[in-house]
């Protein structure tokens, strides 16, 4: 008598392996088929939507596609030194004796502080844009922190409060900043105030969601200890939860500051003040030197803000948190 005779299952083992292999092949083939069908449906939907948009577009997108780069040719300045002059409000020889009109009237934008000392116009507008982003972020953090504890499942005082708080934050982030800015510009007139309100409200909703997700993932053992000694809800939040989430809160707040700088620029184009409004005017009038100067300043500012916030996040959260990601 052999081992195979005493263990009949060993004879069927190769057959079982073959069946598993066949089943796996069928499953892979079925997944590939479904993926192919999905891609075909997506492609048909994309082509159909593009054709619909082209037929309803006044300029006919595909007819105008060969002229895509004509716009860039309008923005090439006659003298590349005018980009530097526009950035620092220096006089241009192309605008001597009033020639060139508004396109080369760079010194007229100077903001004099004391005597002959002045701040270039675009730098002042960039400062306004950064101030809008900074104030909006501070407003968002101030309101999002308490709302996040009301919305967190593990820290909310009651279920109705949690549901209402979540709906409020969903409502605040449901509308893009530019829509809210347009509404408040009509009510409060154009300017940075409308932009601050618009970006601030959206920031409350966006940060509130990020914050309460952080709160829901904290270690509850410190909270259990606070409960055991009869601590109130506010004391549990202050001493058990807040120390755990504060580094992540600061990291998200700095990330939101970067986003708000860009949002404040876009909102400026609809009357929110700052550099966005001047950029829109320069592009619409075809002022190449001014447009390139504004784009260059905005690009450098965003890089500086990104690098500074990244450095500050590393200081607050700790270098080890970034090393674990690699």
C-alpha atoms as a PDB file:
ATOM      1  CA  UNK A   1       0.000   0.000   0.000  1.00  0.00           C
ATOM      2  CA  UNK A   2       1.359   3.417  -1.024  1.00  0.00           C
ATOM      3  CA  UNK A   3       0.995   6.801   0.624  1.00  0.00           C
ATOM      4  CA  UNK A   4      -1.325   7.892  -2.203  1.00  0.00           C
ATOM      5  CA  UNK A   5      -3.632   4.939  -1.408  1.00  0.00           C
ATOM      6  CA  UNK A   6      -3.891   5.977   2.244  1.00  0.00           C
ATOM      7  CA  UNK A   7      -4.394   9.692   1.296  1.00  0.00           C
ATOM      8  CA  UNK A   8      -6.822   9.856  -1.640  1.00  0.00           C
ATOM      9  CA  UNK A   9      -6.853  13.684  -1.535  1.00  0.00           C
ATOM     10  CA  UNK A  10      -3.249  13.725  -2.764  1.00  0.00           C
ATOM     11  CA  UNK A  11      -4.371  12.274  -6.128  1.00  0.00           C
ATOM     12  CA  UNK A  12      -6.826  15.141  -6.628  1.00  0.00           C
ATOM     13  CA  UNK A  13      -4.345  17.865  -5.628  1.00  0.00           C
ATOM     14  CA  UNK A  14      -3.033  18.475  -9.203  1.00  0.00           C
ATOM     15  CA  UNK A  15      -6.600  18.628 -10.482  1.00  0.00           C
ATOM     16  CA  UNK A  16      -7.496  21.165  -7.778  1.00  0.00           C
ATOM     17  CA  UNK A  17      -4.478  23.333  -8.713  1.00  0.00           C
ATOM     18  CA  UNK A  18      -5.536  23.212 -12.381  1.00  0.00           C
ATOM     19  CA  UNK A  19      -9.069  24.242 -11.465  1.00  0.00           C
ATOM     20  CA  UNK A  20      -7.741  27.158  -9.393  1.00  0.00           C
ATOM     21  CA  UNK A  21      -5.571  28.262 -12.309  1.00  0.00           C
ATOM     22  CA  UNK A  22      -8.484  28.072 -14.748  1.00  0.00           C
ATOM     23  CA  UNK A  23     -10.716  30.017 -12.378  1.00  0.00           C
ATOM     24  CA  UNK A  24      -8.036  32.688 -11.968  1.00  0.00           C
ATOM     25  CA  UNK A  25      -7.605  32.978 -15.751  1.00  0.00           C
ATOM     26  CA  UNK A  26     -11.353  33.349 -16.229  1.00  0.00           C
ATOM     27  CA  UNK A  27     -11.528  36.023 -13.528  1.00  0.00           C
ATOM     28  CA  UNK A  28      -8.639  37.977 -15.091  1.00  0.00           C
ATOM     29  CA  UNK A  29     -10.230  37.731 -18.536  1.00  0.00           C
ATOM     30  CA  UNK A  30     -13.555  38.922 -17.147  1.00  0.00           C
ATOM     31  CA  UNK A  31     -11.912  41.893 -15.400  1.00  0.00           C
ATOM     32  CA  UNK A  32     -10.084  42.837 -18.598  1.00  0.00           C
ATOM     33  CA  UNK A  33     -13.342  42.646 -20.528  1.00  0.00           C
ATOM     34  CA  UNK A  34     -15.130  44.884 -18.015  1.00  0.00           C
ATOM     35  CA  UNK A  35     -12.190  47.320 -18.039  1.00  0.00           C
ATOM     36  CA  UNK A  36     -12.276  47.471 -21.844  1.00  0.00           C
ATOM     37  CA  UNK A  37     -16.034  48.041 -21.869  1.00  0.00           C
ATOM     38  CA  UNK A  38     -15.657  50.783 -19.257  1.00  0.00           C
ATOM     39  CA  UNK A  39     -12.914  52.520 -21.265  1.00  0.00           C
ATOM     40  CA  UNK A  40     -15.028  52.375 -24.431  1.00  0.00           C
ATOM     41  CA  UNK A  41     -18.015  53.875 -22.608  1.00  0.00           C
ATOM     42  CA  UNK A  42     -15.787  56.583 -21.135  1.00  0.00           C
ATOM     43  CA  UNK A  43     -14.300  57.371 -24.556  1.00  0.00           C
ATOM     44  CA  UNK A  44     -17.740  57.580 -26.184  1.00  0.00           C
ATOM     45  CA  UNK A  45     -18.975  59.865 -23.400  1.00  0.00           C
ATOM     46  CA  UNK A  46     -15.885  62.072 -23.731  1.00  0.00           C
ATOM     47  CA  UNK A  47     -16.165  62.382 -27.519  1.00  0.00           C
ATOM     48  CA  UNK A  48     -19.893  63.073 -27.261  1.00  0.00           C
ATOM     49  CA  UNK A  49     -19.450  65.761 -24.607  1.00  0.00           C
ATOM     50  CA  UNK A  50     -16.629  67.423 -26.594  1.00  0.00           C
ATOM     51  CA  UNK A  51     -18.749  67.465 -29.758  1.00  0.00           C
ATOM     52  CA  UNK A  52     -21.691  68.894 -27.812  1.00  0.00           C
ATOM     53  CA  UNK A  53     -19.492  71.588 -26.290  1.00  0.00           C
ATOM     54  CA  UNK A  54     -17.980  72.415 -29.683  1.00  0.00           C
ATOM     55  CA  UNK A  55     -21.398  72.760 -31.333  1.00  0.00           C
ATOM     56  CA  UNK A  56     -22.586  75.091 -28.572  1.00  0.00           C
ATOM     57  CA  UNK A  57     -19.373  77.118 -28.415  1.00  0.00           C
ATOM     58  CA  UNK A  58     -19.661  80.453 -30.205  1.00  0.00           C
ATOM     59  CA  UNK A  59     -16.077  80.268 -31.450  1.00  0.00           C
ATOM     60  CA  UNK A  60     -16.116  76.562 -32.400  1.00  0.00           C
ATOM     61  CA  UNK A  61     -13.262  75.027 -30.443  1.00  0.00           C
ATOM     62  CA  UNK A  62     -11.863  72.769 -33.165  1.00  0.00           C
ATOM     63  CA  UNK A  63     -11.995  75.514 -35.793  1.00  0.00           C
ATOM     64  CA  UNK A  64     -10.032  77.820 -33.489  1.00  0.00           C
ATOM     65  CA  UNK A  65      -7.569  75.164 -32.308  1.00  0.00           C
ATOM     66  CA  UNK A  66      -4.873  76.094 -34.895  1.00  0.00           C
ATOM     67  CA  UNK A  67      -4.922  79.632 -33.439  1.00  0.00           C
ATOM     68  CA  UNK A  68      -4.280  78.414 -29.891  1.00  0.00           C
ATOM     69  CA  UNK A  69      -0.876  80.063 -29.628  1.00  0.00           C
ATOM     70  CA  UNK A  70      -1.907  83.365 -31.219  1.00  0.00           C
ATOM     71  CA  UNK A  71      -2.746  84.587 -27.728  1.00  0.00           C
ATOM     72  CA  UNK A  72       0.832  84.040 -26.575  1.00  0.00           C
ATOM     73  CA  UNK A  73       2.178  86.038 -29.506  1.00  0.00           C
ATOM     74  CA  UNK A  74       0.111  89.035 -28.350  1.00  0.00           C
ATOM     75  CA  UNK A  75       1.851  88.937 -24.958  1.00  0.00           C
ATOM     76  CA  UNK A  76       5.429  88.964 -26.243  1.00  0.00           C
ATOM     77  CA  UNK A  77       6.762  92.409 -25.307  1.00  0.00           C
ATOM     78  CA  UNK A  78       8.599  94.568 -27.813  1.00  0.00           C
ATOM     79  CA  UNK A  79      11.361  95.113 -25.273  1.00  0.00           C
ATOM     80  CA  UNK A  80      12.004  92.351 -22.729  1.00  0.00           C
ATOM     81  CA  UNK A  81      13.518  94.898 -20.357  1.00  0.00           C
ATOM     82  CA  UNK A  82      10.025  96.319 -19.960  1.00  0.00           C
ATOM     83  CA  UNK A  83       9.120  93.244 -17.882  1.00  0.00           C
ATOM     84  CA  UNK A  84      11.699  94.306 -15.279  1.00  0.00           C
ATOM     85  CA  UNK A  85      10.586  97.929 -15.549  1.00  0.00           C
ATOM     86  CA  UNK A  86       6.920  96.991 -15.091  1.00  0.00           C
ATOM     87  CA  UNK A  87       7.770  94.902 -12.052  1.00  0.00           C
ATOM     88  CA  UNK A  88       9.586  97.734 -10.265  1.00  0.00           C
ATOM     89  CA  UNK A  89       7.680 100.728 -11.747  1.00  0.00           C
ATOM     90  CA  UNK A  90      10.684 102.068 -13.616  1.00  0.00           C
ATOM     91  CA  UNK A  91      10.269 104.460 -16.572  1.00  0.00           C
ATOM     92  CA  UNK A  92      10.398 102.890 -20.014  1.00  0.00           C
ATOM     93  CA  UNK A  93      11.885 104.536 -23.123  1.00  0.00           C
ATOM     94  CA  UNK A  94       8.963 103.077 -25.064  1.00  0.00           C
ATOM     95  CA  UNK A  95       6.625 105.252 -23.010  1.00  0.00           C
ATOM     96  CA  UNK A  96       8.622 108.480 -23.214  1.00  0.00           C
ATOM     97  CA  UNK A  97       6.595 111.642 -23.755  1.00  0.00           C
ATOM     98  CA  UNK A  98       3.354 109.755 -23.256  1.00  0.00           C
ATOM     99  CA  UNK A  99       3.959 107.298 -26.084  1.00  0.00           C
ATOM    100  CA  UNK A 100       2.345 103.905 -25.613  1.00  0.00           C
ATOM    101  CA  UNK A 101      -0.330 105.195 -23.245  1.00  0.00           C
ATOM    102  CA  UNK A 102      -1.256 102.898 -20.362  1.00  0.00           C
ATOM    103  CA  UNK A 103       0.882 100.068 -21.657  1.00  0.00           C
ATOM    104  CA  UNK A 104       4.129 101.757 -20.601  1.00  0.00           C
ATOM    105  CA  UNK A 105       3.047 104.108 -17.802  1.00  0.00           C
ATOM    106  CA  UNK A 106       4.896 102.040 -15.205  1.00  0.00           C
ATOM    107  CA  UNK A 107       5.901 104.861 -12.769  1.00  0.00           C
ATOM    108  CA  UNK A 108       2.268 105.946 -12.315  1.00  0.00           C
ATOM    109  CA  UNK A 109       1.611 102.851 -10.210  1.00  0.00           C
ATOM    110  CA  UNK A 110       4.164 103.684  -7.531  1.00  0.00           C
ATOM    111  CA  UNK A 111       2.891 103.705  -3.946  1.00  0.00           C
ATOM    112  CA  UNK A 112       4.985 106.307  -2.128  1.00  0.00           C
ATOM    113  CA  UNK A 113       5.596 105.561   1.545  1.00  0.00           C
ATOM    114  CA  UNK A 114       7.965 108.334   2.595  1.00  0.00           C
ATOM    115  CA  UNK A 115       9.727 110.900   0.455  1.00  0.00           C
ATOM    116  CA  UNK A 116      11.096 109.235  -2.667  1.00  0.00           C
ATOM    117  CA  UNK A 117      10.794 105.764  -1.162  1.00  0.00           C
ATOM    118  CA  UNK A 118       7.996 103.780  -2.803  1.00  0.00           C
ATOM    119  CA  UNK A 119       6.572 100.274  -3.038  1.00  0.00           C
ATOM    120  CA  UNK A 120       6.072  99.003  -6.608  1.00  0.00           C
ATOM    121  CA  UNK A 121       2.400  98.714  -7.478  1.00  0.00           C
ATOM    122  CA  UNK A 122       2.467  94.973  -8.163  1.00  0.00           C
ATOM    123  CA  UNK A 123       4.255  94.239  -4.902  1.00  0.00           C
ATOM    124  CA  UNK A 124       1.536  96.120  -3.021  1.00  0.00           C
ATOM    125  CA  UNK A 125      -1.156  94.154  -4.861  1.00  0.00           C
ATOM    126  CA  UNK A 126       0.661  90.913  -4.050  1.00  0.00           C
ATOM    127  CA  UNK A 127       0.771  91.897  -0.374  1.00  0.00           C
ATOM    128  CA  UNK A 128      -3.005  92.483  -0.483  1.00  0.00           C
ATOM    129  CA  UNK A 129      -3.529  89.044  -2.023  1.00  0.00           C
ATOM    130  CA  UNK A 130      -1.360  87.374   0.640  1.00  0.00           C
ATOM    131  CA  UNK A 131      -3.201  89.286   3.372  1.00  0.00           C
ATOM    132  CA  UNK A 132      -6.542  88.051   2.019  1.00  0.00           C
ATOM    133  CA  UNK A 133      -5.252  84.474   2.078  1.00  0.00           C
ATOM    134  CA  UNK A 134      -3.719  84.833   5.549  1.00  0.00           C
ATOM    135  CA  UNK A 135      -6.776  86.431   7.186  1.00  0.00           C
ATOM    136  CA  UNK A 136      -9.080  83.911   5.504  1.00  0.00           C
ATOM    137  CA  UNK A 137      -6.964  81.028   6.769  1.00  0.00           C
ATOM    138  CA  UNK A 138      -6.952  82.404  10.319  1.00  0.00           C
ATOM    139  CA  UNK A 139     -10.744  82.785  10.217  1.00  0.00           C
ATOM    140  CA  UNK A 140     -11.081  79.245   8.884  1.00  0.00           C
ATOM    141  CA  UNK A 141      -8.871  77.744  11.585  1.00  0.00           C
ATOM    142  CA  UNK A 142     -10.578  79.651  14.418  1.00  0.00           C
ATOM    143  CA  UNK A 143     -14.000  78.288  13.460  1.00  0.00           C
ATOM    144  CA  UNK A 144     -12.963  74.886  12.086  1.00  0.00           C
ATOM    145  CA  UNK A 145     -11.186  73.727  15.274  1.00  0.00           C
ATOM    146  CA  UNK A 146     -14.244  73.798  17.576  1.00  0.00           C
ATOM    147  CA  UNK A 147     -16.564  72.604  14.796  1.00  0.00           C
ATOM    148  CA  UNK A 148     -14.329  69.588  14.193  1.00  0.00           C
ATOM    149  CA  UNK A 149     -14.810  68.348  17.763  1.00  0.00           C
ATOM    150  CA  UNK A 150     -18.578  68.795  17.478  1.00  0.00           C
ATOM    151  CA  UNK A 151     -18.558  66.815  14.206  1.00  0.00           C
ATOM    152  CA  UNK A 152     -16.240  63.969  15.269  1.00  0.00           C
ATOM    153  CA  UNK A 153     -18.052  60.750  16.076  1.00  0.00           C
ATOM    154  CA  UNK A 154     -15.861  59.959  19.060  1.00  0.00           C
ATOM    155  CA  UNK A 155     -15.904  63.448  20.637  1.00  0.00           C
ATOM    156  CA  UNK A 156     -19.272  65.002  19.773  1.00  0.00           C
ATOM    157  CA  UNK A 157     -21.507  65.766  22.785  1.00  0.00           C
ATOM    158  CA  UNK A 158     -24.554  64.323  21.016  1.00  0.00           C
ATOM    159  CA  UNK A 159     -25.542  62.782  17.700  1.00  0.00           C
ATOM    160  CA  UNK A 160     -27.905  65.637  16.635  1.00  0.00           C
ATOM    161  CA  UNK A 161     -25.151  68.213  17.208  1.00  0.00           C
ATOM    162  CA  UNK A 162     -22.758  66.085  15.155  1.00  0.00           C
ATOM    163  CA  UNK A 163     -25.170  65.793  12.227  1.00  0.00           C
ATOM    164  CA  UNK A 164     -26.037  69.495  12.208  1.00  0.00           C
ATOM    165  CA  UNK A 165     -22.367  70.503  12.375  1.00  0.00           C
ATOM    166  CA  UNK A 166     -21.479  68.224   9.479  1.00  0.00           C
ATOM    167  CA  UNK A 167     -24.304  69.639   7.337  1.00  0.00           C
ATOM    168  CA  UNK A 168     -23.136  73.189   8.073  1.00  0.00           C
ATOM    169  CA  UNK A 169     -19.584  72.407   6.978  1.00  0.00           C
ATOM    170  CA  UNK A 170     -20.841  70.617   3.869  1.00  0.00           C
ATOM    171  CA  UNK A 171     -22.892  73.688   2.969  1.00  0.00           C
ATOM    172  CA  UNK A 172     -19.920  76.023   3.455  1.00  0.00           C
ATOM    173  CA  UNK A 173     -17.652  74.048   1.133  1.00  0.00           C
ATOM    174  CA  UNK A 174     -20.360  73.219  -1.413  1.00  0.00           C
ATOM    175  CA  UNK A 175     -19.931  76.473  -3.339  1.00  0.00           C
ATOM    176  CA  UNK A 176     -16.634  77.544  -4.972  1.00  0.00           C
ATOM    177  CA  UNK A 177     -14.972  80.625  -3.532  1.00  0.00           C
ATOM    178  CA  UNK A 178     -15.493  82.566  -6.746  1.00  0.00           C
ATOM    179  CA  UNK A 179     -19.289  82.112  -6.526  1.00  0.00           C
ATOM    180  CA  UNK A 180     -19.405  83.321  -2.920  1.00  0.00           C
ATOM    181  CA  UNK A 181     -17.100  86.229  -3.818  1.00  0.00           C
ATOM    182  CA  UNK A 182     -19.401  87.272  -6.647  1.00  0.00           C
ATOM    183  CA  UNK A 183     -22.372  87.260  -4.273  1.00  0.00           C
ATOM    184  CA  UNK A 184     -20.663  89.336  -1.589  1.00  0.00           C
ATOM    185  CA  UNK A 185     -19.143  91.692  -4.167  1.00  0.00           C
ATOM    186  CA  UNK A 186     -22.682  92.564  -5.216  1.00  0.00           C
ATOM    187  CA  UNK A 187     -23.667  93.143  -1.569  1.00  0.00           C
ATOM    188  CA  UNK A 188     -20.534  94.760  -0.124  1.00  0.00           C
ATOM    189  CA  UNK A 189     -19.065  96.240  -3.328  1.00  0.00           C
ATOM    190  CA  UNK A 190     -15.819  95.043  -4.843  1.00  0.00           C
ATOM    191  CA  UNK A 191     -12.696  94.792  -2.715  1.00  0.00           C
ATOM    192  CA  UNK A 192     -10.733  92.517  -0.379  1.00  0.00           C
ATOM    193  CA  UNK A 193     -13.550  92.246   2.205  1.00  0.00           C
ATOM    194  CA  UNK A 194     -15.714  90.200  -0.151  1.00  0.00           C
ATOM    195  CA  UNK A 195     -12.718  88.018  -0.993  1.00  0.00           C
ATOM    196  CA  UNK A 196     -11.902  87.425   2.690  1.00  0.00           C
ATOM    197  CA  UNK A 197     -15.484  86.389   3.451  1.00  0.00           C
ATOM    198  CA  UNK A 198     -15.645  84.077   0.431  1.00  0.00           C
ATOM    199  CA  UNK A 199     -12.323  82.331   1.031  1.00  0.00           C
ATOM    200  CA  UNK A 200     -12.881  82.268   4.800  1.00  0.00           C
ATOM    201  CA  UNK A 201     -16.269  80.547   4.565  1.00  0.00           C
ATOM    202  CA  UNK A 202     -14.964  77.920   2.179  1.00  0.00           C
ATOM    203  CA  UNK A 203     -11.912  77.391   4.385  1.00  0.00           C
ATOM    204  CA  UNK A 204     -14.118  76.730   7.424  1.00  0.00           C
ATOM    205  CA  UNK A 205     -15.924  73.947   5.569  1.00  0.00           C
ATOM    206  CA  UNK A 206     -12.795  72.439   4.019  1.00  0.00           C
ATOM    207  CA  UNK A 207     -10.612  72.532   7.144  1.00  0.00           C
ATOM    208  CA  UNK A 208     -13.511  71.412   9.339  1.00  0.00           C
ATOM    209  CA  UNK A 209     -13.782  68.161   7.382  1.00  0.00           C
ATOM    210  CA  UNK A 210     -10.030  67.523   7.495  1.00  0.00           C
ATOM    211  CA  UNK A 211      -9.870  68.349  11.186  1.00  0.00           C
ATOM    212  CA  UNK A 212     -12.733  66.131  12.335  1.00  0.00           C
ATOM    213  CA  UNK A 213     -11.283  63.187  10.391  1.00  0.00           C
ATOM    214  CA  UNK A 214      -8.052  63.696  12.349  1.00  0.00           C
ATOM    215  CA  UNK A 215     -10.007  63.843  15.618  1.00  0.00           C
ATOM    216  CA  UNK A 216     -11.816  60.593  14.825  1.00  0.00           C
ATOM    217  CA  UNK A 217      -8.469  58.774  14.582  1.00  0.00           C
ATOM    218  CA  UNK A 218      -7.002  59.809  17.925  1.00  0.00           C
ATOM    219  CA  UNK A 219      -6.101  57.418  20.734  1.00  0.00           C
ATOM    220  CA  UNK A 220      -9.114  57.350  23.081  1.00  0.00           C
ATOM    221  CA  UNK A 221      -7.242  56.082  26.140  1.00  0.00           C
ATOM    222  CA  UNK A 222      -6.426  59.612  27.417  1.00  0.00           C
ATOM    223  CA  UNK A 223     -10.099  60.513  26.959  1.00  0.00           C
ATOM    224  CA  UNK A 224     -11.156  57.446  28.937  1.00  0.00           C
ATOM    225  CA  UNK A 225      -8.839  58.517  31.745  1.00  0.00           C
ATOM    226  CA  UNK A 226     -10.351  62.012  31.752  1.00  0.00           C
ATOM    227  CA  UNK A 227     -13.838  60.529  31.856  1.00  0.00           C
ATOM    228  CA  UNK A 228     -12.850  58.347  34.810  1.00  0.00           C
ATOM    229  CA  UNK A 229     -11.903  61.386  36.899  1.00  0.00           C
ATOM    230  CA  UNK A 230     -15.124  63.228  36.009  1.00  0.00           C
ATOM    231  CA  UNK A 231     -13.743  65.739  33.495  1.00  0.00           C
ATOM    232  CA  UNK A 232     -16.183  67.868  31.505  1.00  0.00           C
ATOM    233  CA  UNK A 233     -16.417  67.749  27.703  1.00  0.00           C
ATOM    234  CA  UNK A 234     -14.345  70.886  27.254  1.00  0.00           C
ATOM    235  CA  UNK A 235     -11.659  69.533  29.604  1.00  0.00           C
ATOM    236  CA  UNK A 236     -11.540  66.254  27.666  1.00  0.00           C
ATOM    237  CA  UNK A 237     -11.086  68.193  24.435  1.00  0.00           C
ATOM    238  CA  UNK A 238      -8.446  70.487  25.900  1.00  0.00           C
ATOM    239  CA  UNK A 239      -6.298  67.924  27.728  1.00  0.00           C
ATOM    240  CA  UNK A 240      -6.995  64.572  26.001  1.00  0.00           C
ATOM    241  CA  UNK A 241      -7.701  65.307  22.326  1.00  0.00           C
ATOM    242  CA  UNK A 242      -6.135  68.653  21.413  1.00  0.00           C
ATOM    243  CA  UNK A 243      -2.510  67.725  22.234  1.00  0.00           C
ATOM    244  CA  UNK A 244      -2.777  64.726  19.884  1.00  0.00           C
ATOM    245  CA  UNK A 245      -4.252  66.586  16.911  1.00  0.00           C
ATOM    246  CA  UNK A 246      -2.561  69.983  17.137  1.00  0.00           C
ATOM    247  CA  UNK A 247       0.454  69.120  14.909  1.00  0.00           C
ATOM    248  CA  UNK A 248      -1.817  67.771  12.164  1.00  0.00           C
ATOM    249  CA  UNK A 249      -4.123  70.765  12.535  1.00  0.00           C
ATOM    250  CA  UNK A 250      -1.200  73.111  11.947  1.00  0.00           C
ATOM    251  CA  UNK A 251      -0.013  71.085   8.973  1.00  0.00           C
ATOM    252  CA  UNK A 252      -3.436  71.217   7.318  1.00  0.00           C
ATOM    253  CA  UNK A 253      -3.771  74.921   8.094  1.00  0.00           C
ATOM    254  CA  UNK A 254      -0.466  75.699   6.362  1.00  0.00           C
ATOM    255  CA  UNK A 255      -1.475  73.578   3.394  1.00  0.00           C
ATOM    256  CA  UNK A 256      -4.735  75.505   3.205  1.00  0.00           C
ATOM    257  CA  UNK A 257      -2.798  78.777   3.277  1.00  0.00           C
ATOM    258  CA  UNK A 258      -1.028  77.729   0.079  1.00  0.00           C
ATOM    259  CA  UNK A 259      -4.381  76.952  -1.542  1.00  0.00           C
ATOM    260  CA  UNK A 260      -5.881  80.243  -0.373  1.00  0.00           C
ATOM    261  CA  UNK A 261      -3.076  82.270  -1.971  1.00  0.00           C
ATOM    262  CA  UNK A 262      -4.067  80.820  -5.333  1.00  0.00           C
ATOM    263  CA  UNK A 263      -7.784  81.196  -4.606  1.00  0.00           C
ATOM    264  CA  UNK A 264      -7.316  84.854  -3.628  1.00  0.00           C
ATOM    265  CA  UNK A 265      -5.582  85.507  -6.939  1.00  0.00           C
ATOM    266  CA  UNK A 266      -8.468  84.007  -8.902  1.00  0.00           C
ATOM    267  CA  UNK A 267     -11.073  85.858  -6.853  1.00  0.00           C
ATOM    268  CA  UNK A 268      -9.263  89.115  -7.600  1.00  0.00           C
ATOM    269  CA  UNK A 269     -10.346  88.705 -11.221  1.00  0.00           C
ATOM    270  CA  UNK A 270     -14.019  89.054 -10.198  1.00  0.00           C
ATOM    271  CA  UNK A 271     -13.553  92.141  -8.069  1.00  0.00           C
ATOM    272  CA  UNK A 272     -11.868  90.712  -4.989  1.00  0.00           C
ATOM    273  CA  UNK A 273      -8.925  93.094  -5.184  1.00  0.00           C
ATOM    274  CA  UNK A 274      -5.268  92.195  -5.158  1.00  0.00           C
ATOM    275  CA  UNK A 275      -3.087  91.040  -7.990  1.00  0.00           C
ATOM    276  CA  UNK A 276      -5.762  88.995  -9.758  1.00  0.00           C
ATOM    277  CA  UNK A 277      -7.727  92.056 -10.862  1.00  0.00           C
ATOM    278  CA  UNK A 278      -4.656  93.744 -12.353  1.00  0.00           C
ATOM    279  CA  UNK A 279      -3.657  90.501 -14.098  1.00  0.00           C
ATOM    280  CA  UNK A 280      -7.083  90.229 -15.711  1.00  0.00           C
ATOM    281  CA  UNK A 281      -6.883  93.835 -16.961  1.00  0.00           C
ATOM    282  CA  UNK A 282      -3.365  93.383 -18.339  1.00  0.00           C
ATOM    283  CA  UNK A 283      -4.347  90.217 -20.237  1.00  0.00           C
ATOM    284  CA  UNK A 284      -7.571  91.682 -21.622  1.00  0.00           C
ATOM    285  CA  UNK A 285      -5.744  94.786 -22.900  1.00  0.00           C
ATOM    286  CA  UNK A 286      -2.849  92.827 -24.389  1.00  0.00           C
ATOM    287  CA  UNK A 287      -0.155  94.502 -22.272  1.00  0.00           C
ATOM    288  CA  UNK A 288       2.611  91.923 -22.684  1.00  0.00           C
ATOM    289  CA  UNK A 289       5.219  93.400 -20.350  1.00  0.00           C
ATOM    290  CA  UNK A 290       2.741  93.980 -17.526  1.00  0.00           C
ATOM    291  CA  UNK A 291       1.222  90.518 -17.915  1.00  0.00           C
ATOM    292  CA  UNK A 292       4.597  88.771 -17.814  1.00  0.00           C
ATOM    293  CA  UNK A 293       5.691  90.853 -14.815  1.00  0.00           C
ATOM    294  CA  UNK A 294       2.533  89.888 -12.914  1.00  0.00           C
ATOM    295  CA  UNK A 295       2.859  86.205 -13.836  1.00  0.00           C
ATOM    296  CA  UNK A 296       6.524  86.197 -12.778  1.00  0.00           C
ATOM    297  CA  UNK A 297       5.748  87.840  -9.427  1.00  0.00           C
ATOM    298  CA  UNK A 298       2.844  85.468  -8.779  1.00  0.00           C
ATOM    299  CA  UNK A 299       4.972  82.446  -9.683  1.00  0.00           C
ATOM    300  CA  UNK A 300       7.821  83.465  -7.378  1.00  0.00           C
ATOM    301  CA  UNK A 301       5.410  84.288  -4.549  1.00  0.00           C
ATOM    302  CA  UNK A 302       3.678  80.911  -4.733  1.00  0.00           C
ATOM    303  CA  UNK A 303       7.040  79.121  -4.726  1.00  0.00           C
ATOM    304  CA  UNK A 304       8.139  81.155  -1.685  1.00  0.00           C
ATOM    305  CA  UNK A 305       4.877  80.436   0.187  1.00  0.00           C
ATOM    306  CA  UNK A 306       5.065  76.722  -0.651  1.00  0.00           C
ATOM    307  CA  UNK A 307       8.657  76.426   0.501  1.00  0.00           C
ATOM    308  CA  UNK A 308       8.047  78.385   3.687  1.00  0.00           C
ATOM    309  CA  UNK A 309       4.949  76.381   4.643  1.00  0.00           C
ATOM    310  CA  UNK A 310       6.754  73.101   3.882  1.00  0.00           C
ATOM    311  CA  UNK A 311       9.654  74.154   6.108  1.00  0.00           C
ATOM    312  CA  UNK A 312       7.287  75.222   8.893  1.00  0.00           C
ATOM    313  CA  UNK A 313       5.300  71.965   8.665  1.00  0.00           C
ATOM    314  CA  UNK A 314       8.505  69.994   9.081  1.00  0.00           C
ATOM    315  CA  UNK A 315       9.382  72.047  12.146  1.00  0.00           C
ATOM    316  CA  UNK A 316       5.942  71.551  13.701  1.00  0.00           C
ATOM    317  CA  UNK A 317       5.182  67.945  12.786  1.00  0.00           C
ATOM    318  CA  UNK A 318       8.741  66.666  12.937  1.00  0.00           C
ATOM    319  CA  UNK A 319      11.197  65.408  10.360  1.00  0.00           C
ATOM    320  CA  UNK A 320      10.390  61.785  11.208  1.00  0.00           C
ATOM    321  CA  UNK A 321       6.813  62.202   9.878  1.00  0.00           C
ATOM    322  CA  UNK A 322       8.196  62.971   6.419  1.00  0.00           C
ATOM    323  CA  UNK A 323      10.882  60.291   6.498  1.00  0.00           C
ATOM    324  CA  UNK A 324       8.223  57.608   7.099  1.00  0.00           C
ATOM    325  CA  UNK A 325       6.574  58.506   3.796  1.00  0.00           C
ATOM    326  CA  UNK A 326       9.623  57.360   1.788  1.00  0.00           C
END
